[in-house]
Protein backbone atom coordinates (compact mmCIF):
# COMPACT_ATOMS: atom_id res chain seq x y z
CA UNK A 1 -7.81 -16.86 -8.24
CA UNK A 2 -6.53 -13.97 -10.37
CA UNK A 3 -4.24 -14.06 -13.41
CA UNK A 4 -5.19 -17.74 -13.64
CA UNK A 5 -3.22 -18.64 -10.50
CA UNK A 6 -3.49 -18.40 -6.73
CA UNK A 7 -2.02 -15.37 -4.95
CA UNK A 8 1.76 -15.34 -4.48
CA UNK A 9 1.29 -14.08 -0.92
CA UNK A 10 -1.62 -13.66 1.45
CA UNK A 11 -1.35 -11.18 4.32
CA UNK A 12 -4.53 -11.07 6.37
CA UNK A 13 -7.28 -9.93 4.02
CA UNK A 14 -4.84 -8.91 1.28
CA UNK A 15 -4.06 -11.24 -1.61
CA UNK A 16 -0.93 -10.29 -3.56
CA UNK A 17 0.17 -11.28 -7.07
CA UNK A 18 3.65 -10.35 -8.24
CA UNK A 19 3.38 -9.06 -11.80
CA UNK A 20 6.92 -7.71 -12.24
CA UNK A 21 10.23 -7.52 -10.44
CA UNK A 22 8.98 -4.64 -8.27
CA UNK A 23 5.28 -4.64 -9.12
CA UNK A 24 2.39 -6.27 -7.28
CA UNK A 25 -1.37 -6.32 -7.63
CA UNK A 26 -3.12 -6.38 -4.27
CA UNK A 27 -6.76 -7.35 -3.86
CA UNK A 28 -8.40 -6.52 -0.55
CA UNK A 29 -12.08 -7.31 -0.11
CA UNK A 30 -12.51 -4.93 2.86
CA UNK A 31 -13.51 -2.01 0.61
CA UNK A 32 -15.77 0.40 2.42
CA UNK A 33 -17.57 1.73 -0.64
CA UNK A 34 -18.39 0.49 -4.10
CA UNK A 35 -15.90 1.80 -6.63
CA UNK A 36 -13.40 2.67 -3.94
CA UNK A 37 -9.85 1.73 -4.67
CA UNK A 38 -6.51 1.80 -3.01
CA UNK A 39 -3.32 2.08 -5.00
CA UNK A 40 -0.09 1.04 -3.32
CA UNK A 41 3.19 2.45 -4.57
CA UNK A 42 6.51 0.93 -3.60
CA UNK A 43 8.84 3.72 -2.52
CA UNK A 44 12.25 4.38 -1.03
CA UNK A 45 12.76 7.16 1.50
CA UNK A 46 9.31 6.82 3.05
CA UNK A 47 10.05 9.20 5.94
CA UNK A 48 11.24 11.93 3.55
CA UNK A 49 8.13 11.51 1.39
CA UNK A 50 5.83 11.75 4.42
CA UNK A 51 7.68 14.87 5.56
CA UNK A 52 7.18 16.52 2.17
CA UNK A 53 3.50 15.59 2.15
CA UNK A 54 3.06 17.00 5.68
CA UNK A 55 4.66 20.22 4.45
CA UNK A 56 1.74 20.50 2.02
CA UNK A 57 -0.87 19.72 4.68
CA UNK A 58 -1.40 16.13 3.54
CA UNK A 59 -2.02 13.81 6.50
CA UNK A 60 -1.61 10.07 6.77
CA UNK A 61 -2.56 7.18 9.01
CA UNK A 62 0.07 5.69 11.34
CA UNK A 63 2.95 3.89 9.65
CA UNK A 64 2.77 0.11 10.13
CA UNK A 65 5.73 -2.25 10.00
CA UNK A 66 4.89 -5.78 8.91
CA UNK A 67 6.65 -8.92 10.11
CA UNK A 68 8.64 -9.04 6.87
CA UNK A 69 10.01 -5.53 7.52
CA UNK A 70 7.86 -3.71 4.97
CA UNK A 71 6.74 -0.28 6.22
CA UNK A 72 3.26 0.70 5.02
CA UNK A 73 1.16 3.83 5.36
CA UNK A 74 -2.19 5.02 3.98
CA UNK A 75 -2.55 8.63 2.80
CA UNK A 76 -6.12 9.96 2.46
CA UNK A 77 -7.37 12.78 0.27
CA UNK A 78 -10.34 15.01 1.21
CA UNK A 79 -12.71 12.83 -0.85
CA UNK A 80 -11.79 9.69 1.09
CA UNK A 81 -9.69 8.12 -1.65
CA UNK A 82 -6.59 6.44 -0.38
CA UNK A 83 -3.08 5.93 -1.60
CA UNK A 84 -0.82 3.47 0.14
CA UNK A 85 2.94 3.79 0.24
CA UNK A 86 5.10 0.79 1.03
CA UNK A 87 8.84 0.68 1.62
CA UNK A 88 10.66 -2.65 1.57
CA UNK A 89 13.47 -3.15 4.10
CA UNK A 90 17.01 -2.52 2.91
CA UNK A 91 18.61 -5.69 1.59
């Protein structure tokens, strides 16, 4: 329980609470190191963003597409910190 209520969605090991129209807090207990964190940003134009990052030498893990149509990718920095980008399907 977080925010005094159960998660709004559970996807595998991720528990999601919607905290705004386009804002979610995701808790994932699979952390590989103490103090490690992953921030997920909702984006549009995911392929363009990944292309720009690649142009700067920034690599990413494979893009996943969830059953609900959300496309998700993890971008890693040299220190092992991760940033997730998620693009909702067009409505």
